């Protein structure tokens, strides 16, 4: 499973990149052989010009093999928190997707 991280209005950092890879890996690791790629988009909605409530956003798209992408997003005040929240949502969505496939 390939994880691609995109930053918009955010200075990339090793700590955040490591946190993203760890959170995504933990959330969907057991499905990693059935997912071809994961794209993570981290963005400051105010472009870093001013602080405000819920101005950090994380969008994660998982691309299961032979299926449409699964996308989730989370907004909040802290990059680590929004990444963790989005990864948890992704874990639930991916699990539900594969449970439906196995039920057919």
C-alpha atoms as a PDB file:
ATOM      1  CA  UNK A   1       0.000   0.000   0.000  1.00  0.00           C
ATOM      2  CA  UNK A   2       1.409   3.327  -1.074  1.00  0.00           C
ATOM      3  CA  UNK A   3       0.683   6.428   1.031  1.00  0.00           C
ATOM      4  CA  UNK A   4       0.984   9.786  -0.734  1.00  0.00           C
ATOM      5  CA  UNK A   5       0.884  12.923   1.429  1.00  0.00           C
ATOM      6  CA  UNK A   6      -0.042  16.331   0.013  1.00  0.00           C
ATOM      7  CA  UNK A   7       0.283  19.591   1.949  1.00  0.00           C
ATOM      8  CA  UNK A   8      -1.553  22.827   1.051  1.00  0.00           C
ATOM      9  CA  UNK A   9      -0.803  25.944   3.067  1.00  0.00           C
ATOM     10  CA  UNK A  10       1.082  23.784   5.549  1.00  0.00           C
ATOM     11  CA  UNK A  11       4.827  23.402   5.967  1.00  0.00           C
ATOM     12  CA  UNK A  12       5.623  19.674   5.685  1.00  0.00           C
ATOM     13  CA  UNK A  13       7.245  18.193   8.755  1.00  0.00           C
ATOM     14  CA  UNK A  14       8.766  14.821   9.491  1.00  0.00           C
ATOM     15  CA  UNK A  15       6.748  14.537  12.700  1.00  0.00           C
ATOM     16  CA  UNK A  16       3.428  15.095  10.920  1.00  0.00           C
ATOM     17  CA  UNK A  17       4.377  12.775   8.043  1.00  0.00           C
ATOM     18  CA  UNK A  18       5.311  10.053  10.507  1.00  0.00           C
ATOM     19  CA  UNK A  19       2.056  10.567  12.401  1.00  0.00           C
ATOM     20  CA  UNK A  20       0.055  10.336   9.161  1.00  0.00           C
ATOM     21  CA  UNK A  21       1.750   7.119   8.057  1.00  0.00           C
ATOM     22  CA  UNK A  22       1.348   5.597  11.514  1.00  0.00           C
ATOM     23  CA  UNK A  23      -2.321   6.588  11.886  1.00  0.00           C
ATOM     24  CA  UNK A  24      -3.307   5.398   8.414  1.00  0.00           C
ATOM     25  CA  UNK A  25      -1.311   2.192   8.788  1.00  0.00           C
ATOM     26  CA  UNK A  26      -2.933   1.444  12.125  1.00  0.00           C
ATOM     27  CA  UNK A  27      -6.445   2.193  10.836  1.00  0.00           C
ATOM     28  CA  UNK A  28      -6.362   0.140   7.634  1.00  0.00           C
ATOM     29  CA  UNK A  29      -3.245  -1.985   7.917  1.00  0.00           C
ATOM     30  CA  UNK A  30      -5.106  -5.283   7.880  1.00  0.00           C
ATOM     31  CA  UNK A  31      -6.597  -4.340   4.502  1.00  0.00           C
ATOM     32  CA  UNK A  32      -3.305  -3.087   3.033  1.00  0.00           C
ATOM     33  CA  UNK A  33      -3.067  -5.866   0.445  1.00  0.00           C
ATOM     34  CA  UNK A  34      -6.522  -4.971  -0.890  1.00  0.00           C
ATOM     35  CA  UNK A  35      -5.804  -1.233  -1.147  1.00  0.00           C
ATOM     36  CA  UNK A  36      -3.558   0.049  -3.914  1.00  0.00           C
ATOM     37  CA  UNK A  37      -2.985   3.610  -2.755  1.00  0.00           C
ATOM     38  CA  UNK A  38      -3.930   6.095  -0.059  1.00  0.00           C
ATOM     39  CA  UNK A  39      -3.814   9.848  -0.656  1.00  0.00           C
ATOM     40  CA  UNK A  40      -3.740  12.172   2.332  1.00  0.00           C
ATOM     41  CA  UNK A  41      -4.419  15.880   1.862  1.00  0.00           C
ATOM     42  CA  UNK A  42      -3.550  18.125   4.815  1.00  0.00           C
ATOM     43  CA  UNK A  43      -4.635  21.729   4.479  1.00  0.00           C
ATOM     44  CA  UNK A  44      -4.821  24.946   6.430  1.00  0.00           C
ATOM     45  CA  UNK A  45      -8.148  26.430   5.360  1.00  0.00           C
ATOM     46  CA  UNK A  46      -6.950  29.961   6.193  1.00  0.00           C
ATOM     47  CA  UNK A  47      -3.639  29.393   4.374  1.00  0.00           C
ATOM     48  CA  UNK A  48      -1.735  30.035   7.578  1.00  0.00           C
ATOM     49  CA  UNK A  49      -2.573  33.773   7.469  1.00  0.00           C
ATOM     50  CA  UNK A  50      -4.724  33.698  10.583  1.00  0.00           C
ATOM     51  CA  UNK A  51      -5.814  31.236  13.189  1.00  0.00           C
ATOM     52  CA  UNK A  52      -9.398  30.283  13.700  1.00  0.00           C
ATOM     53  CA  UNK A  53     -11.608  27.487  14.925  1.00  0.00           C
ATOM     54  CA  UNK A  54     -11.603  24.365  12.785  1.00  0.00           C
ATOM     55  CA  UNK A  55      -9.122  25.793  10.287  1.00  0.00           C
ATOM     56  CA  UNK A  56      -7.163  22.540   9.845  1.00  0.00           C
ATOM     57  CA  UNK A  57      -8.449  19.876   7.457  1.00  0.00           C
ATOM     58  CA  UNK A  58      -7.423  16.343   6.573  1.00  0.00           C
ATOM     59  CA  UNK A  59      -8.953  14.499   3.619  1.00  0.00           C
ATOM     60  CA  UNK A  60      -7.986  10.869   3.089  1.00  0.00           C
ATOM     61  CA  UNK A  61      -8.818   8.817   0.001  1.00  0.00           C
ATOM     62  CA  UNK A  62      -8.238   5.073   0.001  1.00  0.00           C
ATOM     63  CA  UNK A  63      -8.314   3.320  -3.346  1.00  0.00           C
ATOM     64  CA  UNK A  64      -9.349  -0.324  -3.054  1.00  0.00           C
ATOM     65  CA  UNK A  65      -8.388  -2.531  -5.968  1.00  0.00           C
ATOM     66  CA  UNK A  66     -11.171  -2.696  -8.585  1.00  0.00           C
ATOM     67  CA  UNK A  67     -13.478  -0.338  -6.655  1.00  0.00           C
ATOM     68  CA  UNK A  68     -14.314   3.343  -6.315  1.00  0.00           C
ATOM     69  CA  UNK A  69     -12.235   5.412  -3.879  1.00  0.00           C
ATOM     70  CA  UNK A  70     -13.345   5.752  -0.267  1.00  0.00           C
ATOM     71  CA  UNK A  71     -12.957   9.315   1.029  1.00  0.00           C
ATOM     72  CA  UNK A  72     -13.281  10.781   4.509  1.00  0.00           C
ATOM     73  CA  UNK A  73     -12.423  14.135   6.019  1.00  0.00           C
ATOM     74  CA  UNK A  74     -11.987  15.753   9.395  1.00  0.00           C
ATOM     75  CA  UNK A  75     -11.665  19.395  10.428  1.00  0.00           C
ATOM     76  CA  UNK A  76     -10.364  20.791  13.688  1.00  0.00           C
ATOM     77  CA  UNK A  77      -7.834  22.999  15.446  1.00  0.00           C
ATOM     78  CA  UNK A  78      -4.816  20.661  15.468  1.00  0.00           C
ATOM     79  CA  UNK A  79      -3.170  18.772  12.592  1.00  0.00           C
ATOM     80  CA  UNK A  80      -2.414  15.661  14.633  1.00  0.00           C
ATOM     81  CA  UNK A  81      -6.002  15.503  15.903  1.00  0.00           C
ATOM     82  CA  UNK A  82      -7.566  15.910  12.448  1.00  0.00           C
ATOM     83  CA  UNK A  83      -5.266  13.257  10.988  1.00  0.00           C
ATOM     84  CA  UNK A  84      -6.141  10.852  13.795  1.00  0.00           C
ATOM     85  CA  UNK A  85      -9.875  11.539  13.406  1.00  0.00           C
ATOM     86  CA  UNK A  86      -9.791  11.116   9.629  1.00  0.00           C
ATOM     87  CA  UNK A  87      -7.773   7.904   9.909  1.00  0.00           C
ATOM     88  CA  UNK A  88     -10.289   6.464  12.384  1.00  0.00           C
ATOM     89  CA  UNK A  89     -13.167   7.358  10.043  1.00  0.00           C
ATOM     90  CA  UNK A  90     -11.288   5.774   7.157  1.00  0.00           C
ATOM     91  CA  UNK A  91     -10.756   2.592   9.153  1.00  0.00           C
ATOM     92  CA  UNK A  92     -14.489   2.278   9.793  1.00  0.00           C
ATOM     93  CA  UNK A  93     -15.388   3.071   6.157  1.00  0.00           C
ATOM     94  CA  UNK A  94     -12.878   0.597   4.709  1.00  0.00           C
ATOM     95  CA  UNK A  95     -13.981  -2.122   7.123  1.00  0.00           C
ATOM     96  CA  UNK A  96     -17.623  -1.562   6.148  1.00  0.00           C
ATOM     97  CA  UNK A  97     -16.709  -1.619   2.433  1.00  0.00           C
ATOM     98  CA  UNK A  98     -14.947  -4.966   2.670  1.00  0.00           C
ATOM     99  CA  UNK A  99     -17.607  -6.465   4.949  1.00  0.00           C
ATOM    100  CA  UNK A 100     -20.202  -5.640   2.285  1.00  0.00           C
ATOM    101  CA  UNK A 101     -18.032  -7.276  -0.383  1.00  0.00           C
ATOM    102  CA  UNK A 102     -17.546 -10.399   1.722  1.00  0.00           C
ATOM    103  CA  UNK A 103     -21.297 -10.596   2.364  1.00  0.00           C
ATOM    104  CA  UNK A 104     -22.110 -10.910  -1.335  1.00  0.00           C
END
